[in-house]
């Protein structure tokens, strides 16, 4: 029996207050634009982010896909980080559906891309090359261990984009984790980007959904692309109701997830065979190294003992744990006890 599920914050369940709001939600038809609960969520999200408008979409992956398709043309190239979720974990959707090329720039440990790397990735005006049209950022940065990218870090990247007339999209799936960690309003974290999407179904603990925001003309185009990829839904206020509650009650609570992650990371760092950089544990994600070719076995043994994590690919030495709503201090202590026993078996 699984006691602690640390695979991702996507496994979190909605709070009782969310469940009540979902049951009592006032509904309409979102494709017609008359679902009042969805409209409320979109307006609230746009206001929090300091953007003109917003649109509800089914997932973070759809948010990024629609954002790229709405801001590029077939044959364009977008600049992404080498460790970006868009590049590594979204099945090349913009290439498959939009004929868009990805140009990867190596991510720094703090989740940024060096200005000189972005500069070098911008294509010159040459008939032999695809035109560069969009820069994609990420905050928090999953691949870098959940680090929170500062406003100055974001600005250093967007300044390069602006110098070349590029638009900028931010994958803000865990944007509110960054906001809490940096004690900085979400609107400040995204003031230098054109478009941003955040997930309701991760640290905010909703059952499904994301919100994509930007200027009004972009959102109009995004709605069309949402329709094209099959993401338009009808009485989606049932889901949006949970999102409204989440924005009102779940953001500050993320500090508990961060505290639990810090305690877990500190304990893991003291277990023989585990390598972990505590400076990179800033939010709710912990990435750590284990002995070569042991990741699959460790994940399996943890599962046997009641702790669920995602197994690593064969040969990889990095594992990940993610804290979230529903994980408490006793779960952290249990996990550390189990991990200590498992690692003693591996040694």
C-alpha atoms as a PDB file:
ATOM      1  CA  UNK A   1       0.000   0.000   0.000  1.00  0.00           C
ATOM      2  CA  UNK A   2       1.354   3.414  -0.967  1.00  0.00           C
ATOM      3  CA  UNK A   3       1.522   5.735   2.018  1.00  0.00           C
ATOM      4  CA  UNK A   4       3.439   8.678   0.527  1.00  0.00           C
ATOM      5  CA  UNK A   5       3.157   9.717  -3.130  1.00  0.00           C
ATOM      6  CA  UNK A   6       6.008  11.998  -4.149  1.00  0.00           C
ATOM      7  CA  UNK A   7       5.900  11.432  -7.912  1.00  0.00           C
ATOM      8  CA  UNK A   8       4.656  14.965  -8.581  1.00  0.00           C
ATOM      9  CA  UNK A   9       2.421  17.685  -7.193  1.00  0.00           C
ATOM     10  CA  UNK A  10      -0.044  16.640  -9.906  1.00  0.00           C
ATOM     11  CA  UNK A  11      -1.114  13.792  -7.604  1.00  0.00           C
ATOM     12  CA  UNK A  12      -2.510  16.267  -5.060  1.00  0.00           C
ATOM     13  CA  UNK A  13      -6.251  16.191  -4.429  1.00  0.00           C
ATOM     14  CA  UNK A  14      -8.630  19.156  -4.197  1.00  0.00           C
ATOM     15  CA  UNK A  15      -9.431  20.566  -0.772  1.00  0.00           C
ATOM     16  CA  UNK A  16     -12.883  20.164   0.804  1.00  0.00           C
ATOM     17  CA  UNK A  17     -13.551  23.836   0.046  1.00  0.00           C
ATOM     18  CA  UNK A  18     -12.783  23.205  -3.632  1.00  0.00           C
ATOM     19  CA  UNK A  19     -15.075  20.190  -3.720  1.00  0.00           C
ATOM     20  CA  UNK A  20     -17.905  22.258  -2.255  1.00  0.00           C
ATOM     21  CA  UNK A  21     -17.336  25.066  -4.754  1.00  0.00           C
ATOM     22  CA  UNK A  22     -17.331  22.573  -7.638  1.00  0.00           C
ATOM     23  CA  UNK A  23     -20.630  21.070  -6.508  1.00  0.00           C
ATOM     24  CA  UNK A  24     -22.253  24.487  -6.240  1.00  0.00           C
ATOM     25  CA  UNK A  25     -20.682  26.170  -9.290  1.00  0.00           C
ATOM     26  CA  UNK A  26     -22.855  28.366 -11.501  1.00  0.00           C
ATOM     27  CA  UNK A  27     -22.506  27.006 -15.026  1.00  0.00           C
ATOM     28  CA  UNK A  28     -22.837  28.057 -18.641  1.00  0.00           C
ATOM     29  CA  UNK A  29     -21.174  27.046 -21.900  1.00  0.00           C
ATOM     30  CA  UNK A  30     -17.575  28.196 -22.128  1.00  0.00           C
ATOM     31  CA  UNK A  31     -17.387  27.796 -25.919  1.00  0.00           C
ATOM     32  CA  UNK A  32     -20.136  30.401 -26.118  1.00  0.00           C
ATOM     33  CA  UNK A  33     -18.279  32.428 -23.503  1.00  0.00           C
ATOM     34  CA  UNK A  34     -21.159  32.441 -21.042  1.00  0.00           C
ATOM     35  CA  UNK A  35     -19.925  30.220 -18.219  1.00  0.00           C
ATOM     36  CA  UNK A  36     -19.783  32.779 -15.384  1.00  0.00           C
ATOM     37  CA  UNK A  37     -17.449  30.709 -13.218  1.00  0.00           C
ATOM     38  CA  UNK A  38     -14.889  30.272 -15.995  1.00  0.00           C
ATOM     39  CA  UNK A  39     -15.132  33.956 -16.808  1.00  0.00           C
ATOM     40  CA  UNK A  40     -14.522  34.810 -13.154  1.00  0.00           C
ATOM     41  CA  UNK A  41     -11.449  32.561 -13.012  1.00  0.00           C
ATOM     42  CA  UNK A  42     -10.050  34.075 -16.213  1.00  0.00           C
ATOM     43  CA  UNK A  43     -10.604  37.633 -15.035  1.00  0.00           C
ATOM     44  CA  UNK A  44      -9.123  36.899 -11.628  1.00  0.00           C
ATOM     45  CA  UNK A  45      -6.074  35.221 -13.183  1.00  0.00           C
ATOM     46  CA  UNK A  46      -5.444  38.073 -15.606  1.00  0.00           C
ATOM     47  CA  UNK A  47      -5.682  40.579 -12.767  1.00  0.00           C
ATOM     48  CA  UNK A  48      -3.240  38.641 -10.554  1.00  0.00           C
ATOM     49  CA  UNK A  49      -0.747  38.354 -13.401  1.00  0.00           C
ATOM     50  CA  UNK A  50      -1.138  41.939 -14.582  1.00  0.00           C
ATOM     51  CA  UNK A  51      -2.219  40.868 -18.076  1.00  0.00           C
ATOM     52  CA  UNK A  52      -5.158  42.026 -20.206  1.00  0.00           C
ATOM     53  CA  UNK A  53      -6.943  38.726 -20.581  1.00  0.00           C
ATOM     54  CA  UNK A  54      -6.726  34.997 -19.900  1.00  0.00           C
ATOM     55  CA  UNK A  55      -8.177  31.724 -21.161  1.00  0.00           C
ATOM     56  CA  UNK A  56      -8.761  28.416 -19.398  1.00  0.00           C
ATOM     57  CA  UNK A  57      -7.088  25.374 -20.994  1.00  0.00           C
ATOM     58  CA  UNK A  58      -7.002  21.704 -20.106  1.00  0.00           C
ATOM     59  CA  UNK A  59      -3.347  21.305 -19.074  1.00  0.00           C
ATOM     60  CA  UNK A  60       0.066  22.899 -18.786  1.00  0.00           C
ATOM     61  CA  UNK A  61       1.186  21.146 -21.938  1.00  0.00           C
ATOM     62  CA  UNK A  62      -1.818  22.543 -23.809  1.00  0.00           C
ATOM     63  CA  UNK A  63      -1.059  25.972 -22.388  1.00  0.00           C
ATOM     64  CA  UNK A  64       2.466  25.930 -23.805  1.00  0.00           C
ATOM     65  CA  UNK A  65       1.371  24.387 -27.101  1.00  0.00           C
ATOM     66  CA  UNK A  66      -1.388  26.944 -27.682  1.00  0.00           C
ATOM     67  CA  UNK A  67       0.912  29.787 -26.639  1.00  0.00           C
ATOM     68  CA  UNK A  68       3.524  28.770 -29.220  1.00  0.00           C
ATOM     69  CA  UNK A  69       1.028  28.118 -32.019  1.00  0.00           C
ATOM     70  CA  UNK A  70      -0.659  31.475 -31.409  1.00  0.00           C
ATOM     71  CA  UNK A  71       2.615  33.409 -31.660  1.00  0.00           C
ATOM     72  CA  UNK A  72       4.443  31.686 -34.531  1.00  0.00           C
ATOM     73  CA  UNK A  73       4.069  30.671 -38.149  1.00  0.00           C
ATOM     74  CA  UNK A  74       4.954  27.350 -39.774  1.00  0.00           C
ATOM     75  CA  UNK A  75       8.702  27.199 -40.327  1.00  0.00           C
ATOM     76  CA  UNK A  76       9.508  29.572 -37.464  1.00  0.00           C
ATOM     77  CA  UNK A  77      12.021  28.707 -34.767  1.00  0.00           C
ATOM     78  CA  UNK A  78      11.539  29.167 -31.026  1.00  0.00           C
ATOM     79  CA  UNK A  79      14.362  29.362 -28.502  1.00  0.00           C
ATOM     80  CA  UNK A  80      13.988  27.047 -25.503  1.00  0.00           C
ATOM     81  CA  UNK A  81      16.200  25.918 -22.658  1.00  0.00           C
ATOM     82  CA  UNK A  82      17.952  22.574 -22.990  1.00  0.00           C
ATOM     83  CA  UNK A  83      16.253  21.422 -19.776  1.00  0.00           C
ATOM     84  CA  UNK A  84      12.900  23.078 -20.495  1.00  0.00           C
ATOM     85  CA  UNK A  85       9.707  21.105 -20.011  1.00  0.00           C
ATOM     86  CA  UNK A  86       8.546  22.351 -23.426  1.00  0.00           C
ATOM     87  CA  UNK A  87      11.636  20.824 -25.021  1.00  0.00           C
ATOM     88  CA  UNK A  88      11.992  17.620 -23.002  1.00  0.00           C
ATOM     89  CA  UNK A  89       8.530  16.544 -21.936  1.00  0.00           C
ATOM     90  CA  UNK A  90       5.815  17.752 -24.323  1.00  0.00           C
ATOM     91  CA  UNK A  91       6.308  15.334 -27.236  1.00  0.00           C
ATOM     92  CA  UNK A  92       7.489  18.041 -29.631  1.00  0.00           C
ATOM     93  CA  UNK A  93       3.909  19.243 -29.977  1.00  0.00           C
ATOM     94  CA  UNK A  94       4.670  22.570 -31.647  1.00  0.00           C
ATOM     95  CA  UNK A  95       6.783  20.778 -34.255  1.00  0.00           C
ATOM     96  CA  UNK A  96       4.195  18.066 -34.845  1.00  0.00           C
ATOM     97  CA  UNK A  97       1.176  20.364 -35.106  1.00  0.00           C
ATOM     98  CA  UNK A  98       2.645  23.729 -36.031  1.00  0.00           C
ATOM     99  CA  UNK A  99       5.760  22.980 -38.067  1.00  0.00           C
ATOM    100  CA  UNK A 100       7.791  24.966 -35.546  1.00  0.00           C
ATOM    101  CA  UNK A 101      11.478  24.275 -34.890  1.00  0.00           C
ATOM    102  CA  UNK A 102      13.063  24.242 -31.422  1.00  0.00           C
ATOM    103  CA  UNK A 103      16.508  25.765 -30.872  1.00  0.00           C
ATOM    104  CA  UNK A 104      17.851  24.669 -27.474  1.00  0.00           C
ATOM    105  CA  UNK A 105      20.174  26.847 -25.410  1.00  0.00           C
ATOM    106  CA  UNK A 106      21.974  25.278 -22.444  1.00  0.00           C
ATOM    107  CA  UNK A 107      20.310  26.116 -19.143  1.00  0.00           C
ATOM    108  CA  UNK A 108      22.352  27.444 -16.255  1.00  0.00           C
ATOM    109  CA  UNK A 109      21.946  25.806 -12.801  1.00  0.00           C
ATOM    110  CA  UNK A 110      19.668  28.708 -11.772  1.00  0.00           C
ATOM    111  CA  UNK A 111      17.211  27.905 -14.570  1.00  0.00           C
ATOM    112  CA  UNK A 112      18.173  30.829 -16.783  1.00  0.00           C
ATOM    113  CA  UNK A 113      19.768  30.814 -20.215  1.00  0.00           C
ATOM    114  CA  UNK A 114      22.878  32.961 -20.651  1.00  0.00           C
ATOM    115  CA  UNK A 115      22.280  36.138 -22.627  1.00  0.00           C
ATOM    116  CA  UNK A 116      25.103  35.274 -24.983  1.00  0.00           C
ATOM    117  CA  UNK A 117      23.543  31.866 -25.627  1.00  0.00           C
ATOM    118  CA  UNK A 118      20.210  33.417 -26.532  1.00  0.00           C
ATOM    119  CA  UNK A 119      21.970  35.988 -28.695  1.00  0.00           C
ATOM    120  CA  UNK A 120      23.801  33.259 -30.585  1.00  0.00           C
ATOM    121  CA  UNK A 121      20.581  31.307 -31.103  1.00  0.00           C
ATOM    122  CA  UNK A 122      18.746  34.153 -32.868  1.00  0.00           C
ATOM    123  CA  UNK A 123      18.883  33.435 -36.594  1.00  0.00           C
ATOM    124  CA  UNK A 124      20.072  36.120 -39.008  1.00  0.00           C
ATOM    125  CA  UNK A 125      17.848  37.220 -41.863  1.00  0.00           C
ATOM    126  CA  UNK A 126      18.962  34.507 -44.268  1.00  0.00           C
ATOM    127  CA  UNK A 127      16.911  32.458 -46.735  1.00  0.00           C
ATOM    128  CA  UNK A 128      18.780  29.340 -45.612  1.00  0.00           C
ATOM    129  CA  UNK A 129      17.570  29.644 -42.015  1.00  0.00           C
ATOM    130  CA  UNK A 130      14.234  29.582 -40.189  1.00  0.00           C
ATOM    131  CA  UNK A 131      13.217  32.914 -38.689  1.00  0.00           C
ATOM    132  CA  UNK A 132      13.379  33.172 -34.895  1.00  0.00           C
ATOM    133  CA  UNK A 133      10.106  34.482 -33.498  1.00  0.00           C
ATOM    134  CA  UNK A 134       9.710  33.450 -29.857  1.00  0.00           C
ATOM    135  CA  UNK A 135      11.725  32.911 -26.673  1.00  0.00           C
ATOM    136  CA  UNK A 136      10.306  30.433 -24.139  1.00  0.00           C
ATOM    137  CA  UNK A 137      11.208  30.639 -20.437  1.00  0.00           C
ATOM    138  CA  UNK A 138      10.244  28.553 -17.405  1.00  0.00           C
ATOM    139  CA  UNK A 139       9.606  29.495 -13.748  1.00  0.00           C
ATOM    140  CA  UNK A 140       9.978  27.624 -11.464  1.00  0.00           C
ATOM    141  CA  UNK A 141      12.406  25.580 -13.493  1.00  0.00           C
ATOM    142  CA  UNK A 142      11.580  21.905 -13.114  1.00  0.00           C
ATOM    143  CA  UNK A 143      14.677  20.555 -14.849  1.00  0.00           C
ATOM    144  CA  UNK A 144      16.951  22.723 -12.705  1.00  0.00           C
ATOM    145  CA  UNK A 145      15.438  21.313  -9.522  1.00  0.00           C
ATOM    146  CA  UNK A 146      12.491  23.629  -9.002  1.00  0.00           C
ATOM    147  CA  UNK A 147      14.600  26.775  -8.679  1.00  0.00           C
ATOM    148  CA  UNK A 148      12.781  30.106  -8.686  1.00  0.00           C
ATOM    149  CA  UNK A 149      13.983  32.475 -11.407  1.00  0.00           C
ATOM    150  CA  UNK A 150      14.249  36.046 -10.128  1.00  0.00           C
ATOM    151  CA  UNK A 151      12.814  39.071 -11.943  1.00  0.00           C
ATOM    152  CA  UNK A 152      16.337  40.209 -12.802  1.00  0.00           C
ATOM    153  CA  UNK A 153      17.144  36.766 -14.177  1.00  0.00           C
ATOM    154  CA  UNK A 154      14.081  36.905 -16.383  1.00  0.00           C
ATOM    155  CA  UNK A 155      14.838  40.447 -17.517  1.00  0.00           C
ATOM    156  CA  UNK A 156      18.374  39.543 -18.590  1.00  0.00           C
ATOM    157  CA  UNK A 157      16.850  37.011 -21.004  1.00  0.00           C
ATOM    158  CA  UNK A 158      13.933  39.114 -22.206  1.00  0.00           C
ATOM    159  CA  UNK A 159      16.227  42.068 -22.930  1.00  0.00           C
ATOM    160  CA  UNK A 160      17.952  39.969 -25.593  1.00  0.00           C
ATOM    161  CA  UNK A 161      14.609  38.939 -27.045  1.00  0.00           C
ATOM    162  CA  UNK A 162      13.383  42.534 -27.233  1.00  0.00           C
ATOM    163  CA  UNK A 163      16.579  43.648 -28.961  1.00  0.00           C
ATOM    164  CA  UNK A 164      15.698  41.232 -31.755  1.00  0.00           C
ATOM    165  CA  UNK A 165      11.952  41.845 -31.867  1.00  0.00           C
ATOM    166  CA  UNK A 166      11.029  38.465 -30.354  1.00  0.00           C
ATOM    167  CA  UNK A 167       7.969  37.766 -28.263  1.00  0.00           C
ATOM    168  CA  UNK A 168       8.437  35.937 -24.963  1.00  0.00           C
ATOM    169  CA  UNK A 169       6.371  33.151 -23.424  1.00  0.00           C
ATOM    170  CA  UNK A 170       6.809  31.840 -19.900  1.00  0.00           C
ATOM    171  CA  UNK A 171       5.934  28.306 -18.876  1.00  0.00           C
ATOM    172  CA  UNK A 172       4.817  29.271 -15.382  1.00  0.00           C
ATOM    173  CA  UNK A 173       3.379  25.887 -14.462  1.00  0.00           C
ATOM    174  CA  UNK A 174       4.652  26.423 -10.901  1.00  0.00           C
ATOM    175  CA  UNK A 175       4.768  30.227 -11.047  1.00  0.00           C
ATOM    176  CA  UNK A 176       3.126  30.635  -7.640  1.00  0.00           C
ATOM    177  CA  UNK A 177       5.778  28.443  -6.043  1.00  0.00           C
ATOM    178  CA  UNK A 178       8.310  30.959  -7.355  1.00  0.00           C
ATOM    179  CA  UNK A 179       6.202  33.830  -6.058  1.00  0.00           C
ATOM    180  CA  UNK A 180       6.074  32.340  -2.556  1.00  0.00           C
ATOM    181  CA  UNK A 181       9.756  31.365  -2.510  1.00  0.00           C
ATOM    182  CA  UNK A 182      10.939  34.792  -3.670  1.00  0.00           C
ATOM    183  CA  UNK A 183       8.278  36.686  -1.682  1.00  0.00           C
ATOM    184  CA  UNK A 184       7.486  38.488  -4.912  1.00  0.00           C
ATOM    185  CA  UNK A 185       4.072  39.068  -6.538  1.00  0.00           C
ATOM    186  CA  UNK A 186       3.401  36.855  -9.536  1.00  0.00           C
ATOM    187  CA  UNK A 187       2.716  39.958 -11.613  1.00  0.00           C
ATOM    188  CA  UNK A 188       6.280  41.163 -11.036  1.00  0.00           C
ATOM    189  CA  UNK A 189       7.706  37.793 -12.048  1.00  0.00           C
ATOM    190  CA  UNK A 190       5.914  37.989 -15.422  1.00  0.00           C
ATOM    191  CA  UNK A 191       5.915  41.716 -16.158  1.00  0.00           C
ATOM    192  CA  UNK A 192       8.639  41.320 -18.788  1.00  0.00           C
ATOM    193  CA  UNK A 193       6.971  38.484 -20.734  1.00  0.00           C
ATOM    194  CA  UNK A 194       4.173  38.677 -23.283  1.00  0.00           C
ATOM    195  CA  UNK A 195       2.368  35.479 -22.354  1.00  0.00           C
ATOM    196  CA  UNK A 196       2.353  33.128 -19.379  1.00  0.00           C
ATOM    197  CA  UNK A 197       0.561  29.970 -18.401  1.00  0.00           C
ATOM    198  CA  UNK A 198       0.208  28.489 -14.924  1.00  0.00           C
ATOM    199  CA  UNK A 199      -1.093  25.120 -13.773  1.00  0.00           C
ATOM    200  CA  UNK A 200      -4.039  24.779 -11.444  1.00  0.00           C
ATOM    201  CA  UNK A 201      -3.363  21.063 -11.017  1.00  0.00           C
ATOM    202  CA  UNK A 202       0.098  21.189  -9.403  1.00  0.00           C
ATOM    203  CA  UNK A 203       0.839  23.159  -6.251  1.00  0.00           C
ATOM    204  CA  UNK A 204      -2.592  24.787  -6.389  1.00  0.00           C
ATOM    205  CA  UNK A 205      -4.088  21.283  -5.963  1.00  0.00           C
ATOM    206  CA  UNK A 206      -6.981  21.522  -8.407  1.00  0.00           C
ATOM    207  CA  UNK A 207      -8.108  18.359 -10.203  1.00  0.00           C
ATOM    208  CA  UNK A 208      -7.364  19.644 -13.703  1.00  0.00           C
ATOM    209  CA  UNK A 209      -6.599  22.711 -15.794  1.00  0.00           C
ATOM    210  CA  UNK A 210      -4.296  25.628 -16.509  1.00  0.00           C
ATOM    211  CA  UNK A 211      -4.734  29.303 -17.330  1.00  0.00           C
ATOM    212  CA  UNK A 212      -2.968  31.107 -20.177  1.00  0.00           C
ATOM    213  CA  UNK A 213      -2.720  34.909 -20.069  1.00  0.00           C
ATOM    214  CA  UNK A 214      -1.491  37.760 -22.252  1.00  0.00           C
ATOM    215  CA  UNK A 215      -2.805  40.701 -24.215  1.00  0.00           C
ATOM    216  CA  UNK A 216      -6.354  40.576 -25.564  1.00  0.00           C
ATOM    217  CA  UNK A 217      -5.402  39.912 -29.173  1.00  0.00           C
ATOM    218  CA  UNK A 218      -3.178  37.013 -28.146  1.00  0.00           C
ATOM    219  CA  UNK A 219      -5.943  35.464 -26.042  1.00  0.00           C
ATOM    220  CA  UNK A 220      -8.331  35.708 -29.009  1.00  0.00           C
ATOM    221  CA  UNK A 221      -5.811  33.803 -31.133  1.00  0.00           C
ATOM    222  CA  UNK A 222      -5.178  31.343 -28.311  1.00  0.00           C
ATOM    223  CA  UNK A 223      -8.884  30.550 -28.118  1.00  0.00           C
ATOM    224  CA  UNK A 224      -8.850  29.617 -31.800  1.00  0.00           C
ATOM    225  CA  UNK A 225      -5.868  27.319 -31.303  1.00  0.00           C
ATOM    226  CA  UNK A 226      -7.474  25.840 -28.197  1.00  0.00           C
ATOM    227  CA  UNK A 227     -10.421  24.907 -30.425  1.00  0.00           C
ATOM    228  CA  UNK A 228      -8.138  23.446 -33.102  1.00  0.00           C
ATOM    229  CA  UNK A 229      -6.353  21.126 -30.654  1.00  0.00           C
ATOM    230  CA  UNK A 230      -9.644  20.007 -29.128  1.00  0.00           C
ATOM    231  CA  UNK A 231      -9.363  21.925 -25.884  1.00  0.00           C
ATOM    232  CA  UNK A 232     -12.649  23.853 -25.923  1.00  0.00           C
ATOM    233  CA  UNK A 233     -15.007  22.531 -23.258  1.00  0.00           C
ATOM    234  CA  UNK A 234     -18.554  23.273 -22.240  1.00  0.00           C
ATOM    235  CA  UNK A 235     -19.695  23.430 -18.576  1.00  0.00           C
ATOM    236  CA  UNK A 236     -16.101  23.739 -17.431  1.00  0.00           C
ATOM    237  CA  UNK A 237     -17.138  25.996 -14.566  1.00  0.00           C
ATOM    238  CA  UNK A 238     -17.245  22.824 -12.486  1.00  0.00           C
ATOM    239  CA  UNK A 239     -13.454  22.784 -12.757  1.00  0.00           C
ATOM    240  CA  UNK A 240     -12.932  26.536 -12.783  1.00  0.00           C
ATOM    241  CA  UNK A 241     -14.668  26.816  -9.423  1.00  0.00           C
ATOM    242  CA  UNK A 242     -11.823  24.888  -7.826  1.00  0.00           C
ATOM    243  CA  UNK A 243      -9.350  27.247  -9.505  1.00  0.00           C
ATOM    244  CA  UNK A 244     -10.990  30.308  -7.954  1.00  0.00           C
ATOM    245  CA  UNK A 245     -10.766  28.740  -4.489  1.00  0.00           C
ATOM    246  CA  UNK A 246      -7.160  27.734  -5.158  1.00  0.00           C
ATOM    247  CA  UNK A 247      -6.081  31.263  -6.045  1.00  0.00           C
ATOM    248  CA  UNK A 248      -7.750  32.533  -2.878  1.00  0.00           C
ATOM    249  CA  UNK A 249      -6.604  29.855  -0.405  1.00  0.00           C
ATOM    250  CA  UNK A 250      -3.760  27.699  -1.751  1.00  0.00           C
ATOM    251  CA  UNK A 251      -0.981  30.095  -2.745  1.00  0.00           C
ATOM    252  CA  UNK A 252       0.350  31.078   0.687  1.00  0.00           C
ATOM    253  CA  UNK A 253      -0.045  27.449   1.795  1.00  0.00           C
ATOM    254  CA  UNK A 254       2.711  26.494  -0.669  1.00  0.00           C
ATOM    255  CA  UNK A 255       5.200  27.667   1.958  1.00  0.00           C
ATOM    256  CA  UNK A 256       4.353  24.429   3.804  1.00  0.00           C
ATOM    257  CA  UNK A 257       5.315  22.412   0.718  1.00  0.00           C
ATOM    258  CA  UNK A 258       8.610  24.282   0.528  1.00  0.00           C
ATOM    259  CA  UNK A 259       9.298  23.693   4.215  1.00  0.00           C
ATOM    260  CA  UNK A 260       8.582  19.989   3.845  1.00  0.00           C
ATOM    261  CA  UNK A 261      10.822  19.816   0.790  1.00  0.00           C
ATOM    262  CA  UNK A 262      13.657  21.483   2.690  1.00  0.00           C
ATOM    263  CA  UNK A 263      13.344  19.026   5.581  1.00  0.00           C
ATOM    264  CA  UNK A 264      13.249  16.113   3.140  1.00  0.00           C
ATOM    265  CA  UNK A 265      16.271  17.417   1.224  1.00  0.00           C
ATOM    266  CA  UNK A 266      18.319  17.946   4.359  1.00  0.00           C
ATOM    267  CA  UNK A 267      17.560  14.403   5.468  1.00  0.00           C
ATOM    268  CA  UNK A 268      18.371  12.918   2.069  1.00  0.00           C
ATOM    269  CA  UNK A 269      21.665  14.788   1.963  1.00  0.00           C
ATOM    270  CA  UNK A 270      22.756  12.944   5.109  1.00  0.00           C
ATOM    271  CA  UNK A 271      22.148   9.469   3.639  1.00  0.00           C
ATOM    272  CA  UNK A 272      25.195   7.696   2.226  1.00  0.00           C
ATOM    273  CA  UNK A 273      25.097   7.281  -1.537  1.00  0.00           C
ATOM    274  CA  UNK A 274      22.893  10.314  -2.208  1.00  0.00           C
ATOM    275  CA  UNK A 275      24.248  13.487  -3.767  1.00  0.00           C
ATOM    276  CA  UNK A 276      22.174  16.655  -3.329  1.00  0.00           C
ATOM    277  CA  UNK A 277      22.817  20.382  -3.743  1.00  0.00           C
ATOM    278  CA  UNK A 278      20.760  22.044  -1.010  1.00  0.00           C
ATOM    279  CA  UNK A 279      21.139  25.477  -2.617  1.00  0.00           C
ATOM    280  CA  UNK A 280      18.941  24.306  -5.489  1.00  0.00           C
ATOM    281  CA  UNK A 281      16.126  23.160  -3.196  1.00  0.00           C
ATOM    282  CA  UNK A 282      14.129  26.383  -3.180  1.00  0.00           C
ATOM    283  CA  UNK A 283      10.539  25.267  -3.671  1.00  0.00           C
ATOM    284  CA  UNK A 284       8.743  21.898  -3.614  1.00  0.00           C
ATOM    285  CA  UNK A 285      11.034  19.885  -5.916  1.00  0.00           C
ATOM    286  CA  UNK A 286      14.054  17.871  -4.790  1.00  0.00           C
ATOM    287  CA  UNK A 287      16.418  16.378  -7.365  1.00  0.00           C
ATOM    288  CA  UNK A 288      19.238  14.170  -6.153  1.00  0.00           C
ATOM    289  CA  UNK A 289      21.776  11.739  -7.535  1.00  0.00           C
ATOM    290  CA  UNK A 290      22.186   8.054  -6.691  1.00  0.00           C
ATOM    291  CA  UNK A 291      24.815   5.488  -7.703  1.00  0.00           C
ATOM    292  CA  UNK A 292      24.999   4.636 -11.400  1.00  0.00           C
ATOM    293  CA  UNK A 293      22.364   2.148 -12.613  1.00  0.00           C
ATOM    294  CA  UNK A 294      20.629   2.039  -9.220  1.00  0.00           C
ATOM    295  CA  UNK A 295      17.751   4.463  -9.836  1.00  0.00           C
ATOM    296  CA  UNK A 296      15.222   1.924 -11.109  1.00  0.00           C
ATOM    297  CA  UNK A 297      15.946  -0.435  -8.234  1.00  0.00           C
ATOM    298  CA  UNK A 298      15.732   2.340  -5.636  1.00  0.00           C
ATOM    299  CA  UNK A 299      12.381   3.558  -6.987  1.00  0.00           C
ATOM    300  CA  UNK A 300      11.059  -0.003  -6.995  1.00  0.00           C
ATOM    301  CA  UNK A 301      12.174  -0.703  -3.431  1.00  0.00           C
ATOM    302  CA  UNK A 302      10.719   2.581  -2.207  1.00  0.00           C
ATOM    303  CA  UNK A 303       7.404   1.588  -3.761  1.00  0.00           C
ATOM    304  CA  UNK A 304       7.555  -1.777  -2.009  1.00  0.00           C
ATOM    305  CA  UNK A 305       7.871   0.080   1.286  1.00  0.00           C
ATOM    306  CA  UNK A 306       5.090   2.581   0.630  1.00  0.00           C
ATOM    307  CA  UNK A 307       6.868   5.575  -0.947  1.00  0.00           C
ATOM    308  CA  UNK A 308       6.051   6.248  -4.587  1.00  0.00           C
ATOM    309  CA  UNK A 309       8.420   8.173  -6.894  1.00  0.00           C
ATOM    310  CA  UNK A 310       8.902   8.134 -10.641  1.00  0.00           C
ATOM    311  CA  UNK A 311      11.553   5.642 -11.726  1.00  0.00           C
ATOM    312  CA  UNK A 312      14.553   6.953 -13.594  1.00  0.00           C
ATOM    313  CA  UNK A 313      15.487   5.911 -17.099  1.00  0.00           C
ATOM    314  CA  UNK A 314      18.092   3.188 -17.320  1.00  0.00           C
ATOM    315  CA  UNK A 315      21.553   4.580 -16.690  1.00  0.00           C
ATOM    316  CA  UNK A 316      20.396   7.953 -15.339  1.00  0.00           C
ATOM    317  CA  UNK A 317      21.549   8.886 -11.859  1.00  0.00           C
ATOM    318  CA  UNK A 318      18.989  11.567 -10.993  1.00  0.00           C
ATOM    319  CA  UNK A 319      15.776  11.012  -9.039  1.00  0.00           C
ATOM    320  CA  UNK A 320      13.061  13.486  -8.088  1.00  0.00           C
ATOM    321  CA  UNK A 321      10.657  13.922  -5.196  1.00  0.00           C
ATOM    322  CA  UNK A 322       7.914  16.567  -5.100  1.00  0.00           C
ATOM    323  CA  UNK A 323       6.017  17.741  -2.019  1.00  0.00           C
ATOM    324  CA  UNK A 324       2.440  19.010  -2.239  1.00  0.00           C
ATOM    325  CA  UNK A 325      -0.879  19.509  -0.483  1.00  0.00           C
ATOM    326  CA  UNK A 326      -1.593  16.362   1.516  1.00  0.00           C
ATOM    327  CA  UNK A 327       2.049  15.685   2.447  1.00  0.00           C
ATOM    328  CA  UNK A 328       2.843  16.452   6.088  1.00  0.00           C
ATOM    329  CA  UNK A 329       5.794  16.243   8.461  1.00  0.00           C
ATOM    330  CA  UNK A 330       5.105  12.623   9.389  1.00  0.00           C
ATOM    331  CA  UNK A 331       5.207  11.674   5.698  1.00  0.00           C
ATOM    332  CA  UNK A 332       8.635  13.299   5.401  1.00  0.00           C
ATOM    333  CA  UNK A 333      10.002  11.374   8.372  1.00  0.00           C
ATOM    334  CA  UNK A 334       8.552   8.128   7.051  1.00  0.00           C
ATOM    335  CA  UNK A 335      10.119   8.740   3.636  1.00  0.00           C
ATOM    336  CA  UNK A 336      13.533   9.431   5.131  1.00  0.00           C
ATOM    337  CA  UNK A 337      13.373   6.268   7.213  1.00  0.00           C
ATOM    338  CA  UNK A 338      12.443   4.170   4.193  1.00  0.00           C
ATOM    339  CA  UNK A 339      15.074   5.796   1.985  1.00  0.00           C
ATOM    340  CA  UNK A 340      17.776   5.211   4.592  1.00  0.00           C
ATOM    341  CA  UNK A 341      16.908   1.502   4.707  1.00  0.00           C
ATOM    342  CA  UNK A 342      16.768   1.198   0.913  1.00  0.00           C
ATOM    343  CA  UNK A 343      20.104   2.927   0.412  1.00  0.00           C
ATOM    344  CA  UNK A 344      21.732   0.651   2.980  1.00  0.00           C
ATOM    345  CA  UNK A 345      20.584  -2.273   0.821  1.00  0.00           C
ATOM    346  CA  UNK A 346      22.051  -0.674  -2.310  1.00  0.00           C
ATOM    347  CA  UNK A 347      25.452   0.053  -0.740  1.00  0.00           C
END
